[in-house]
Amino acid sequence: MTQSPLTLYLAAPRGFCAGVDRAIKIVEMAIEKWGPPVYVRHEIVHNKFVVDSLKDKGAIFVEELDECPNDRPVIFSAHGVPKAVPAEAAKREMIYVDATCPLVSKVHIEAERHHADGLQMVMIGHAGHPETIGTMGQLPDGEVLLVETPADVAGLNVRDERKLAFITQTTLSVDDTVDVIAALRTRFPTIVGPHKEDICYATTNRQAAVKAIASNIEALLVIGAPNSSNSQRLVEVGRANGCAYSQLVQRATDIDWRALDGISNVGISAGASAPEVLVNEVIDAFKARFDVTVELVETAQENIEFKVPRVLREPA
């Protein structure tokens, strides 16, 4: 039986970013240095495949610090943690390694600097997301107000309209954030913004690559986890830019082949915490069913690398 032809447009950049790469490396190096088990507070990155492979190597994932024994190392996830968490670990004299992405740490430092200048912070982010919880937890209660939409801006109750600054979660949709920032600037003309965009380079690049293919494809598959903010944003960007059938899949087994019946081109991208092995698995699944041509659509090149903490570079 002859297979029908299908073109796969492979968005680049896609998949792992430097912060995710570093976080995974931190867990692997900690296991190597101190032996298993090593505890990790919260999923190190939002990807089940990655988390499961680290469990196999000796990582134990917990939600809170009180689930960790004092005598084993603990690692804090790439999303960042409230200040109270390392403070508690230090009080318990635990060995701890912070795998917070340096670009998230940059936002934390920014928030602290504005706070020291007497400004109240407005954070654009998703309620309940670990990164939002971590960033808001850098300052005392009430010092960071959270907004998600332009409508939230209208309902803000601030201490002093002339003493405000805003920060954003690093994994938001660039286009959605523009509207919220515009609403903030309209209501609070003197609000101070970040020196440089808080949304990280990897999020921006992956969204730009999806935009580049979205109007030419009949379907978009984004490989990523349901709880991964940047992956969910890629699906939304696909839909907003002309690809009505944009879906998140965790791996090849999640693909709804009936929905793809009779189409001749599909776009593929992957969130910043999805490993390339899962992208290849999806491509192979298409090759088993179609006569596939793969076209790479590259909109940027990434060569950023973040160093791991010094404690891991020193011998045990």
C-alpha atoms as a PDB file:
ATOM      1  CA  MET A   1       0.000   0.000   0.000  1.00  0.00           C
ATOM      2  CA  THR A   2       1.474   3.355  -0.966  1.00  0.00           C
ATOM      3  CA  GLN A   3       1.681   5.918   1.781  1.00  0.00           C
ATOM      4  CA  SER A   4       0.287   9.387   1.120  1.00  0.00           C
ATOM      5  CA  PRO A   5       2.882  12.196   1.034  1.00  0.00           C
ATOM      6  CA  LEU A   6       3.155  14.503   4.057  1.00  0.00           C
ATOM      7  CA  THR A   7       5.481  17.417   4.791  1.00  0.00           C
ATOM      8  CA  LEU A   8       6.578  17.950   8.400  1.00  0.00           C
ATOM      9  CA  TYR A   9       7.641  21.515   9.121  1.00  0.00           C
ATOM     10  CA  LEU A  10      10.037  21.311  12.044  1.00  0.00           C
ATOM     11  CA  ALA A  11      10.198  24.583  13.991  1.00  0.00           C
ATOM     12  CA  ALA A  12      13.613  25.674  15.258  1.00  0.00           C
ATOM     13  CA  PRO A  13      14.490  26.622  17.915  1.00  0.00           C
ATOM     14  CA  ARG A  14      12.385  24.078  19.837  1.00  0.00           C
ATOM     15  CA  GLY A  15      12.825  21.896  22.912  1.00  0.00           C
ATOM     16  CA  PHE A  16      15.401  22.271  25.676  1.00  0.00           C
ATOM     17  CA  CYS A  17      16.569  25.747  26.623  1.00  0.00           C
ATOM     18  CA  ALA A  18      19.767  26.545  28.533  1.00  0.00           C
ATOM     19  CA  GLY A  19      17.951  26.823  31.891  1.00  0.00           C
ATOM     20  CA  VAL A  20      16.348  23.385  31.523  1.00  0.00           C
ATOM     21  CA  ASP A  21      19.610  21.863  30.336  1.00  0.00           C
ATOM     22  CA  ARG A  22      21.385  23.257  33.395  1.00  0.00           C
ATOM     23  CA  ALA A  23      18.677  22.107  35.833  1.00  0.00           C
ATOM     24  CA  ILE A  24      18.794  18.509  34.578  1.00  0.00           C
ATOM     25  CA  LYS A  25      22.598  18.551  34.675  1.00  0.00           C
ATOM     26  CA  ILE A  26      22.451  19.805  38.292  1.00  0.00           C
ATOM     27  CA  VAL A  27      20.361  16.791  39.374  1.00  0.00           C
ATOM     28  CA  GLU A  28      22.624  14.345  37.504  1.00  0.00           C
ATOM     29  CA  MET A  29      25.810  15.893  38.935  1.00  0.00           C
ATOM     30  CA  ALA A  30      24.354  15.921  42.466  1.00  0.00           C
ATOM     31  CA  ILE A  31      23.572  12.193  42.224  1.00  0.00           C
ATOM     32  CA  GLU A  32      27.095  11.600  40.937  1.00  0.00           C
ATOM     33  CA  LYS A  33      28.675  13.670  43.716  1.00  0.00           C
ATOM     34  CA  TRP A  34      26.642  12.608  46.762  1.00  0.00           C
ATOM     35  CA  GLY A  35      25.180   9.305  45.558  1.00  0.00           C
ATOM     36  CA  PRO A  36      21.466   8.475  45.527  1.00  0.00           C
ATOM     37  CA  PRO A  37      18.996   9.389  46.769  1.00  0.00           C
ATOM     38  CA  VAL A  38      19.000  13.117  46.037  1.00  0.00           C
ATOM     39  CA  TYR A  39      15.743  14.951  46.774  1.00  0.00           C
ATOM     40  CA  VAL A  40      14.201  17.444  44.350  1.00  0.00           C
ATOM     41  CA  ARG A  41      11.565  19.904  45.555  1.00  0.00           C
ATOM     42  CA  HIS A  42       8.893  20.082  42.837  1.00  0.00           C
ATOM     43  CA  GLU A  43       9.362  18.699  39.299  1.00  0.00           C
ATOM     44  CA  ILE A  44      12.829  19.901  38.238  1.00  0.00           C
ATOM     45  CA  VAL A  45      11.290  20.854  34.864  1.00  0.00           C
ATOM     46  CA  HIS A  46       7.753  20.242  33.612  1.00  0.00           C
ATOM     47  CA  ASN A  47       8.218  17.017  31.685  1.00  0.00           C
ATOM     48  CA  LYS A  48       7.215  13.525  32.833  1.00  0.00           C
ATOM     49  CA  PHE A  49       9.770  11.777  30.578  1.00  0.00           C
ATOM     50  CA  VAL A  50      12.622  13.849  32.070  1.00  0.00           C
ATOM     51  CA  VAL A  51      11.373  13.417  35.647  1.00  0.00           C
ATOM     52  CA  ASP A  52      10.979   9.637  35.229  1.00  0.00           C
ATOM     53  CA  SER A  53      14.487   9.251  33.777  1.00  0.00           C
ATOM     54  CA  LEU A  54      15.940  11.191  36.748  1.00  0.00           C
ATOM     55  CA  LYS A  55      13.939   9.004  39.171  1.00  0.00           C
ATOM     56  CA  ASP A  56      15.606   5.973  37.561  1.00  0.00           C
ATOM     57  CA  LYS A  57      19.000   7.522  38.337  1.00  0.00           C
ATOM     58  CA  GLY A  58      18.177   8.090  42.014  1.00  0.00           C
ATOM     59  CA  ALA A  59      16.227  11.354  42.320  1.00  0.00           C
ATOM     60  CA  ILE A  60      13.231  11.500  44.671  1.00  0.00           C
ATOM     61  CA  PHE A  61      10.685  14.194  43.826  1.00  0.00           C
ATOM     62  CA  VAL A  62       8.700  15.841  46.620  1.00  0.00           C
ATOM     63  CA  GLU A  63       6.374  18.826  46.791  1.00  0.00           C
ATOM     64  CA  GLU A  64       7.648  20.369  50.020  1.00  0.00           C
ATOM     65  CA  LEU A  65      10.861  20.579  52.007  1.00  0.00           C
ATOM     66  CA  ASP A  66       9.346  18.879  55.051  1.00  0.00           C
ATOM     67  CA  GLU A  67       9.220  15.643  53.008  1.00  0.00           C
ATOM     68  CA  CYS A  68      13.046  15.642  52.818  1.00  0.00           C
ATOM     69  CA  PRO A  69      15.386  14.188  55.434  1.00  0.00           C
ATOM     70  CA  ASN A  70      18.051  16.538  56.860  1.00  0.00           C
ATOM     71  CA  ASP A  71      20.956  14.302  55.856  1.00  0.00           C
ATOM     72  CA  ARG A  72      20.368  14.125  52.065  1.00  0.00           C
ATOM     73  CA  PRO A  73      20.940  16.866  49.482  1.00  0.00           C
ATOM     74  CA  VAL A  74      17.922  18.709  48.098  1.00  0.00           C
ATOM     75  CA  ILE A  75      17.622  20.562  44.798  1.00  0.00           C
ATOM     76  CA  PHE A  76      15.216  23.419  44.076  1.00  0.00           C
ATOM     77  CA  SER A  77      13.524  23.351  40.651  1.00  0.00           C
ATOM     78  CA  ALA A  78      14.314  25.538  37.640  1.00  0.00           C
ATOM     79  CA  HIS A  79      11.134  27.569  38.256  1.00  0.00           C
ATOM     80  CA  GLY A  80      12.522  29.177  41.424  1.00  0.00           C
ATOM     81  CA  VAL A  81      11.346  29.024  45.040  1.00  0.00           C
ATOM     82  CA  PRO A  82      10.108  31.524  47.636  1.00  0.00           C
ATOM     83  CA  LYS A  83      12.862  32.916  49.887  1.00  0.00           C
ATOM     84  CA  ALA A  84      11.472  30.978  52.851  1.00  0.00           C
ATOM     85  CA  VAL A  85      12.507  27.640  51.286  1.00  0.00           C
ATOM     86  CA  PRO A  86      16.335  28.046  51.191  1.00  0.00           C
ATOM     87  CA  ALA A  87      16.083  29.822  54.564  1.00  0.00           C
ATOM     88  CA  GLU A  88      14.396  26.738  56.040  1.00  0.00           C
ATOM     89  CA  ALA A  89      16.959  24.402  54.388  1.00  0.00           C
ATOM     90  CA  ALA A  90      19.811  26.458  55.878  1.00  0.00           C
ATOM     91  CA  LYS A  91      18.149  26.363  59.321  1.00  0.00           C
ATOM     92  CA  ARG A  92      17.989  22.560  59.057  1.00  0.00           C
ATOM     93  CA  GLU A  93      21.662  22.529  57.968  1.00  0.00           C
ATOM     94  CA  MET A  94      20.790  20.657  54.780  1.00  0.00           C
ATOM     95  CA  ILE A  95      22.943  20.540  51.684  1.00  0.00           C
ATOM     96  CA  TYR A  96      20.887  22.326  49.044  1.00  0.00           C
ATOM     97  CA  VAL A  97      21.496  23.306  45.432  1.00  0.00           C
ATOM     98  CA  ASP A  98      19.387  25.945  43.709  1.00  0.00           C
ATOM     99  CA  ALA A  99      18.626  25.020  40.077  1.00  0.00           C
ATOM    100  CA  THR A 100      16.563  28.181  39.474  1.00  0.00           C
ATOM    101  CA  CYS A 101      17.036  29.316  35.884  1.00  0.00           C
ATOM    102  CA  PRO A 102      19.374  32.354  35.848  1.00  0.00           C
ATOM    103  CA  LEU A 103      16.768  34.257  33.795  1.00  0.00           C
ATOM    104  CA  VAL A 104      14.190  33.673  36.549  1.00  0.00           C
ATOM    105  CA  SER A 105      16.774  34.740  39.151  1.00  0.00           C
ATOM    106  CA  LYS A 106      17.232  37.960  37.139  1.00  0.00           C
ATOM    107  CA  VAL A 107      13.523  38.735  37.687  1.00  0.00           C
ATOM    108  CA  HIS A 108      13.897  37.981  41.429  1.00  0.00           C
ATOM    109  CA  ILE A 109      16.826  40.432  41.694  1.00  0.00           C
ATOM    110  CA  GLU A 110      14.852  43.043  39.771  1.00  0.00           C
ATOM    111  CA  ALA A 111      11.882  42.695  42.153  1.00  0.00           C
ATOM    112  CA  GLU A 112      14.167  43.069  45.186  1.00  0.00           C
ATOM    113  CA  ARG A 113      15.838  46.147  43.717  1.00  0.00           C
ATOM    114  CA  HIS A 114      12.482  47.863  43.091  1.00  0.00           C
ATOM    115  CA  HIS A 115      11.301  46.879  46.584  1.00  0.00           C
ATOM    116  CA  ALA A 116      14.432  48.458  48.082  1.00  0.00           C
ATOM    117  CA  ASP A 117      13.540  51.636  46.164  1.00  0.00           C
ATOM    118  CA  GLY A 118      10.123  51.679  47.844  1.00  0.00           C
ATOM    119  CA  LEU A 119       8.122  50.458  44.835  1.00  0.00           C
ATOM    120  CA  GLN A 120       5.236  48.012  45.007  1.00  0.00           C
ATOM    121  CA  MET A 121       5.460  45.285  42.341  1.00  0.00           C
ATOM    122  CA  VAL A 122       2.848  44.162  39.829  1.00  0.00           C
ATOM    123  CA  MET A 123       3.618  40.722  38.414  1.00  0.00           C
ATOM    124  CA  ILE A 124       2.135  39.560  35.111  1.00  0.00           C
ATOM    125  CA  GLY A 125       1.828  35.799  35.459  1.00  0.00           C
ATOM    126  CA  HIS A 126      -0.360  32.746  35.960  1.00  0.00           C
ATOM    127  CA  ALA A 127      -1.764  32.202  39.455  1.00  0.00           C
ATOM    128  CA  GLY A 128      -0.500  29.001  41.056  1.00  0.00           C
ATOM    129  CA  HIS A 129       2.382  28.439  38.613  1.00  0.00           C
ATOM    130  CA  PRO A 130       5.580  27.511  40.530  1.00  0.00           C
ATOM    131  CA  GLU A 131       7.530  30.359  38.913  1.00  0.00           C
ATOM    132  CA  THR A 132       4.907  32.909  39.980  1.00  0.00           C
ATOM    133  CA  ILE A 133       4.840  31.503  43.528  1.00  0.00           C
ATOM    134  CA  GLY A 134       8.661  31.622  43.666  1.00  0.00           C
ATOM    135  CA  THR A 135       8.911  35.190  42.375  1.00  0.00           C
ATOM    136  CA  MET A 136       6.132  36.545  44.604  1.00  0.00           C
ATOM    137  CA  GLY A 137       7.825  34.759  47.517  1.00  0.00           C
ATOM    138  CA  GLN A 138      10.957  36.904  47.155  1.00  0.00           C
ATOM    139  CA  LEU A 139       9.197  39.833  48.834  1.00  0.00           C
ATOM    140  CA  PRO A 140       6.975  40.238  51.910  1.00  0.00           C
ATOM    141  CA  ASP A 141       3.223  39.533  51.558  1.00  0.00           C
ATOM    142  CA  GLY A 142       1.329  42.283  49.768  1.00  0.00           C
ATOM    143  CA  GLU A 143       4.396  43.659  48.018  1.00  0.00           C
ATOM    144  CA  VAL A 144       3.685  41.786  44.761  1.00  0.00           C
ATOM    145  CA  LEU A 145       0.250  42.008  43.135  1.00  0.00           C
ATOM    146  CA  LEU A 146      -0.584  39.428  40.448  1.00  0.00           C
ATOM    147  CA  VAL A 147      -2.389  40.161  37.175  1.00  0.00           C
ATOM    148  CA  GLU A 148      -3.068  37.829  34.232  1.00  0.00           C
ATOM    149  CA  THR A 149      -5.244  39.911  31.898  1.00  0.00           C
ATOM    150  CA  PRO A 150      -5.941  43.563  31.027  1.00  0.00           C
ATOM    151  CA  ALA A 151      -9.225  43.168  32.970  1.00  0.00           C
ATOM    152  CA  ASP A 152      -7.224  42.306  36.119  1.00  0.00           C
ATOM    153  CA  VAL A 153      -5.365  45.621  35.785  1.00  0.00           C
ATOM    154  CA  ALA A 154      -8.640  47.549  36.100  1.00  0.00           C
ATOM    155  CA  GLY A 155      -9.333  45.862  39.448  1.00  0.00           C
ATOM    156  CA  LEU A 156      -5.893  46.460  40.979  1.00  0.00           C
ATOM    157  CA  ASN A 157      -5.803  47.990  44.428  1.00  0.00           C
ATOM    158  CA  VAL A 158      -2.381  49.630  44.823  1.00  0.00           C
ATOM    159  CA  ARG A 159      -0.759  51.433  47.716  1.00  0.00           C
ATOM    160  CA  ASP A 160       0.511  54.431  45.749  1.00  0.00           C
ATOM    161  CA  GLU A 161      -0.074  54.856  42.000  1.00  0.00           C
ATOM    162  CA  ARG A 162       3.207  56.764  41.629  1.00  0.00           C
ATOM    163  CA  LYS A 163       5.340  54.061  43.234  1.00  0.00           C
ATOM    164  CA  LEU A 164       4.886  50.971  41.079  1.00  0.00           C
ATOM    165  CA  ALA A 165       7.010  48.659  38.936  1.00  0.00           C
ATOM    166  CA  PHE A 166       6.082  45.567  36.931  1.00  0.00           C
ATOM    167  CA  ILE A 167       7.774  42.236  36.207  1.00  0.00           C
ATOM    168  CA  THR A 168       6.589  39.210  34.211  1.00  0.00           C
ATOM    169  CA  GLN A 169       6.749  35.452  34.384  1.00  0.00           C
ATOM    170  CA  THR A 170       9.456  34.340  31.917  1.00  0.00           C
ATOM    171  CA  THR A 171       7.292  31.849  29.979  1.00  0.00           C
ATOM    172  CA  LEU A 172       4.325  33.987  28.910  1.00  0.00           C
ATOM    173  CA  SER A 173       3.000  34.678  25.424  1.00  0.00           C
ATOM    174  CA  VAL A 174       4.824  37.734  24.089  1.00  0.00           C
ATOM    175  CA  ASP A 175       1.651  38.968  22.326  1.00  0.00           C
ATOM    176  CA  ASP A 176      -0.678  38.559  25.321  1.00  0.00           C
ATOM    177  CA  THR A 177       1.770  40.328  27.622  1.00  0.00           C
ATOM    178  CA  VAL A 178       1.863  43.373  25.325  1.00  0.00           C
ATOM    179  CA  ASP A 179      -1.855  43.983  26.042  1.00  0.00           C
ATOM    180  CA  VAL A 180      -1.432  43.666  29.810  1.00  0.00           C
ATOM    181  CA  ILE A 181       1.583  46.015  29.806  1.00  0.00           C
ATOM    182  CA  ALA A 182      -0.399  48.535  27.709  1.00  0.00           C
ATOM    183  CA  ALA A 183      -3.244  48.387  30.263  1.00  0.00           C
ATOM    184  CA  LEU A 184      -0.766  48.929  33.125  1.00  0.00           C
ATOM    185  CA  ARG A 185       0.872  51.919  31.399  1.00  0.00           C
ATOM    186  CA  THR A 186      -2.529  53.460  30.597  1.00  0.00           C
ATOM    187  CA  ARG A 187      -3.755  53.191  34.182  1.00  0.00           C
ATOM    188  CA  PHE A 188      -0.387  53.927  35.846  1.00  0.00           C
ATOM    189  CA  PRO A 189       1.605  56.193  33.480  1.00  0.00           C
ATOM    190  CA  THR A 190       4.665  56.308  35.778  1.00  0.00           C
ATOM    191  CA  ILE A 191       4.942  52.516  36.326  1.00  0.00           C
ATOM    192  CA  VAL A 192       8.546  51.305  35.947  1.00  0.00           C
ATOM    193  CA  GLY A 193       9.199  48.394  33.565  1.00  0.00           C
ATOM    194  CA  PRO A 194      12.123  45.973  33.270  1.00  0.00           C
ATOM    195  CA  HIS A 195      15.376  47.222  31.645  1.00  0.00           C
ATOM    196  CA  LYS A 196      15.154  44.306  29.300  1.00  0.00           C
ATOM    197  CA  GLU A 197      12.198  42.045  28.521  1.00  0.00           C
ATOM    198  CA  ASP A 198      11.513  39.561  31.381  1.00  0.00           C
ATOM    199  CA  ILE A 199      10.111  36.955  28.980  1.00  0.00           C
ATOM    200  CA  CYS A 200      13.109  34.758  28.315  1.00  0.00           C
ATOM    201  CA  TYR A 201      14.915  34.416  24.994  1.00  0.00           C
ATOM    202  CA  ALA A 202      13.888  30.749  24.657  1.00  0.00           C
ATOM    203  CA  THR A 203      10.175  31.471  25.072  1.00  0.00           C
ATOM    204  CA  THR A 204      10.372  34.347  22.567  1.00  0.00           C
ATOM    205  CA  ASN A 205      12.377  32.295  20.034  1.00  0.00           C
ATOM    206  CA  ARG A 206      10.078  29.261  20.202  1.00  0.00           C
ATOM    207  CA  GLN A 207       7.004  31.441  19.743  1.00  0.00           C
ATOM    208  CA  ALA A 208       8.603  33.221  16.748  1.00  0.00           C
ATOM    209  CA  ALA A 209       9.427  29.856  15.108  1.00  0.00           C
ATOM    210  CA  VAL A 210       5.812  28.679  15.523  1.00  0.00           C
ATOM    211  CA  LYS A 211       4.556  31.967  14.030  1.00  0.00           C
ATOM    212  CA  ALA A 212       6.806  31.390  11.014  1.00  0.00           C
ATOM    213  CA  ILE A 213       5.099  28.076  10.157  1.00  0.00           C
ATOM    214  CA  ALA A 214       1.564  28.540  11.541  1.00  0.00           C
ATOM    215  CA  SER A 215      -0.116  30.025   8.462  1.00  0.00           C
ATOM    216  CA  ASN A 216       1.327  27.357   6.096  1.00  0.00           C
ATOM    217  CA  ILE A 217       0.240  24.238   7.994  1.00  0.00           C
ATOM    218  CA  GLU A 218      -3.009  22.346   8.494  1.00  0.00           C
ATOM    219  CA  ALA A 219      -2.086  21.087  11.965  1.00  0.00           C
ATOM    220  CA  LEU A 220       0.452  21.943  14.686  1.00  0.00           C
ATOM    221  CA  LEU A 221       1.671  19.483  17.303  1.00  0.00           C
ATOM    222  CA  VAL A 222       3.538  20.928  20.271  1.00  0.00           C
ATOM    223  CA  ILE A 223       5.416  18.313  22.285  1.00  0.00           C
ATOM    224  CA  GLY A 224       5.277  19.247  25.945  1.00  0.00           C
ATOM    225  CA  ALA A 225       3.591  18.712  29.292  1.00  0.00           C
ATOM    226  CA  PRO A 226       0.080  19.959  30.209  1.00  0.00           C
ATOM    227  CA  ASN A 227       1.549  21.835  33.222  1.00  0.00           C
ATOM    228  CA  SER A 228       4.281  23.490  31.118  1.00  0.00           C
ATOM    229  CA  SER A 229       3.379  27.154  30.673  1.00  0.00           C
ATOM    230  CA  ASN A 230       5.701  27.768  27.722  1.00  0.00           C
ATOM    231  CA  SER A 231       4.358  24.678  25.886  1.00  0.00           C
ATOM    232  CA  GLN A 232       0.736  25.757  26.375  1.00  0.00           C
ATOM    233  CA  ARG A 233       1.631  29.231  25.064  1.00  0.00           C
ATOM    234  CA  LEU A 234       3.075  27.667  21.862  1.00  0.00           C
ATOM    235  CA  VAL A 235      -0.285  25.967  21.205  1.00  0.00           C
ATOM    236  CA  GLU A 236      -2.066  29.317  21.683  1.00  0.00           C
ATOM    237  CA  VAL A 237       0.426  31.103  19.395  1.00  0.00           C
ATOM    238  CA  GLY A 238      -0.227  28.481  16.683  1.00  0.00           C
ATOM    239  CA  ARG A 239      -3.988  29.026  16.924  1.00  0.00           C
ATOM    240  CA  ALA A 240      -3.678  32.817  17.034  1.00  0.00           C
ATOM    241  CA  ASN A 241      -1.508  32.792  13.907  1.00  0.00           C
ATOM    242  CA  GLY A 242      -3.709  30.826  11.574  1.00  0.00           C
ATOM    243  CA  CYS A 243      -3.432  27.151  12.519  1.00  0.00           C
ATOM    244  CA  ALA A 244      -6.826  26.213  13.966  1.00  0.00           C
ATOM    245  CA  TYR A 245      -5.809  22.613  14.779  1.00  0.00           C
ATOM    246  CA  SER A 246      -2.994  23.231  17.301  1.00  0.00           C
ATOM    247  CA  GLN A 247      -2.589  20.509  19.919  1.00  0.00           C
ATOM    248  CA  LEU A 248      -0.326  19.673  22.835  1.00  0.00           C
ATOM    249  CA  VAL A 249       0.959  16.071  22.908  1.00  0.00           C
ATOM    250  CA  GLN A 250       3.189  14.588  25.576  1.00  0.00           C
ATOM    251  CA  ARG A 251       4.515  11.946  23.202  1.00  0.00           C
ATOM    252  CA  ALA A 252       3.750  10.090  19.955  1.00  0.00           C
ATOM    253  CA  THR A 253       1.157   7.858  21.644  1.00  0.00           C
ATOM    254  CA  ASP A 254      -1.028  10.953  22.283  1.00  0.00           C
ATOM    255  CA  ILE A 255      -1.449  11.845  18.599  1.00  0.00           C
ATOM    256  CA  ASP A 256      -5.043  11.689  17.355  1.00  0.00           C
ATOM    257  CA  TRP A 257      -4.444  10.202  13.894  1.00  0.00           C
ATOM    258  CA  ARG A 258      -8.106  10.418  12.879  1.00  0.00           C
ATOM    259  CA  ALA A 259      -7.969  14.200  13.244  1.00  0.00           C
ATOM    260  CA  LEU A 260      -5.004  14.247  10.842  1.00  0.00           C
ATOM    261  CA  ASP A 261      -6.723  12.136   8.200  1.00  0.00           C
ATOM    262  CA  GLY A 262      -6.332  13.517   4.675  1.00  0.00           C
ATOM    263  CA  ILE A 263      -3.956  16.374   5.509  1.00  0.00           C
ATOM    264  CA  SER A 264      -0.683  16.973   3.681  1.00  0.00           C
ATOM    265  CA  ASN A 265       1.380  19.113   6.077  1.00  0.00           C
ATOM    266  CA  VAL A 266       1.948  19.321   9.820  1.00  0.00           C
ATOM    267  CA  GLY A 267       4.083  21.622  11.966  1.00  0.00           C
ATOM    268  CA  ILE A 268       6.044  20.300  14.932  1.00  0.00           C
ATOM    269  CA  SER A 269       7.502  22.236  17.841  1.00  0.00           C
ATOM    270  CA  ALA A 270       8.439  21.374  21.423  1.00  0.00           C
ATOM    271  CA  GLY A 271       8.304  23.278  24.701  1.00  0.00           C
ATOM    272  CA  ALA A 272      11.509  24.285  26.482  1.00  0.00           C
ATOM    273  CA  SER A 273      11.387  21.280  28.819  1.00  0.00           C
ATOM    274  CA  ALA A 274      10.708  18.623  26.151  1.00  0.00           C
ATOM    275  CA  PRO A 275      13.733  16.502  25.128  1.00  0.00           C
ATOM    276  CA  GLU A 276      14.581  16.023  21.440  1.00  0.00           C
ATOM    277  CA  VAL A 277      14.181  12.240  21.808  1.00  0.00           C
ATOM    278  CA  LEU A 278      10.392  12.846  22.060  1.00  0.00           C
ATOM    279  CA  VAL A 279      10.454  14.985  18.896  1.00  0.00           C
ATOM    280  CA  ASN A 280      12.209  12.151  17.048  1.00  0.00           C
ATOM    281  CA  GLU A 281       9.644   9.679  18.386  1.00  0.00           C
ATOM    282  CA  VAL A 282       6.844  11.814  16.868  1.00  0.00           C
ATOM    283  CA  ILE A 283       8.671  12.113  13.518  1.00  0.00           C
ATOM    284  CA  ASP A 284       9.154   8.315  13.452  1.00  0.00           C
ATOM    285  CA  ALA A 285       5.435   7.815  14.147  1.00  0.00           C
ATOM    286  CA  PHE A 286       4.619   9.974  11.109  1.00  0.00           C
ATOM    287  CA  LYS A 287       7.166   8.094   8.980  1.00  0.00           C
ATOM    288  CA  ALA A 288       5.438   4.827   9.853  1.00  0.00           C
ATOM    289  CA  ARG A 289       2.147   6.159   8.444  1.00  0.00           C
ATOM    290  CA  PHE A 290       3.074   8.620   5.682  1.00  0.00           C
ATOM    291  CA  ASP A 291       5.678   9.228   3.004  1.00  0.00           C
ATOM    292  CA  VAL A 292       7.352  12.015   4.989  1.00  0.00           C
ATOM    293  CA  THR A 293       9.459  14.977   3.879  1.00  0.00           C
ATOM    294  CA  VAL A 294      10.956  16.940   6.779  1.00  0.00           C
ATOM    295  CA  GLU A 295      11.571  20.655   6.328  1.00  0.00           C
ATOM    296  CA  LEU A 296      13.458  22.607   8.990  1.00  0.00           C
ATOM    297  CA  VAL A 297      12.214  26.166   9.521  1.00  0.00           C
ATOM    298  CA  GLU A 298      14.832  27.944  11.607  1.00  0.00           C
ATOM    299  CA  THR A 299      14.190  31.504  12.779  1.00  0.00           C
ATOM    300  CA  ALA A 300      17.073  31.886  15.264  1.00  0.00           C
ATOM    301  CA  GLN A 301      20.155  30.085  16.556  1.00  0.00           C
ATOM    302  CA  GLU A 302      20.760  29.590  20.253  1.00  0.00           C
ATOM    303  CA  ASN A 303      24.190  29.136  21.772  1.00  0.00           C
ATOM    304  CA  ILE A 304      23.547  30.178  25.359  1.00  0.00           C
ATOM    305  CA  GLU A 305      24.930  28.024  28.137  1.00  0.00           C
ATOM    306  CA  PHE A 306      24.589  28.526  31.893  1.00  0.00           C
ATOM    307  CA  LYS A 307      27.191  27.306  34.378  1.00  0.00           C
ATOM    308  CA  VAL A 308      26.170  24.899  37.123  1.00  0.00           C
ATOM    309  CA  PRO A 309      26.644  26.076  40.751  1.00  0.00           C
ATOM    310  CA  ARG A 310      30.194  25.950  42.049  1.00  0.00           C
ATOM    311  CA  VAL A 311      29.367  23.379  44.759  1.00  0.00           C
ATOM    312  CA  LEU A 312      28.852  20.784  41.976  1.00  0.00           C
ATOM    313  CA  ARG A 313      32.124  21.612  40.253  1.00  0.00           C
ATOM    314  CA  GLU A 314      34.088  20.889  43.442  1.00  0.00           C
ATOM    315  CA  PRO A 315      34.944  17.314  44.467  1.00  0.00           C
ATOM    316  CA  ALA A 316      32.826  15.705  47.185  1.00  0.00           C
END
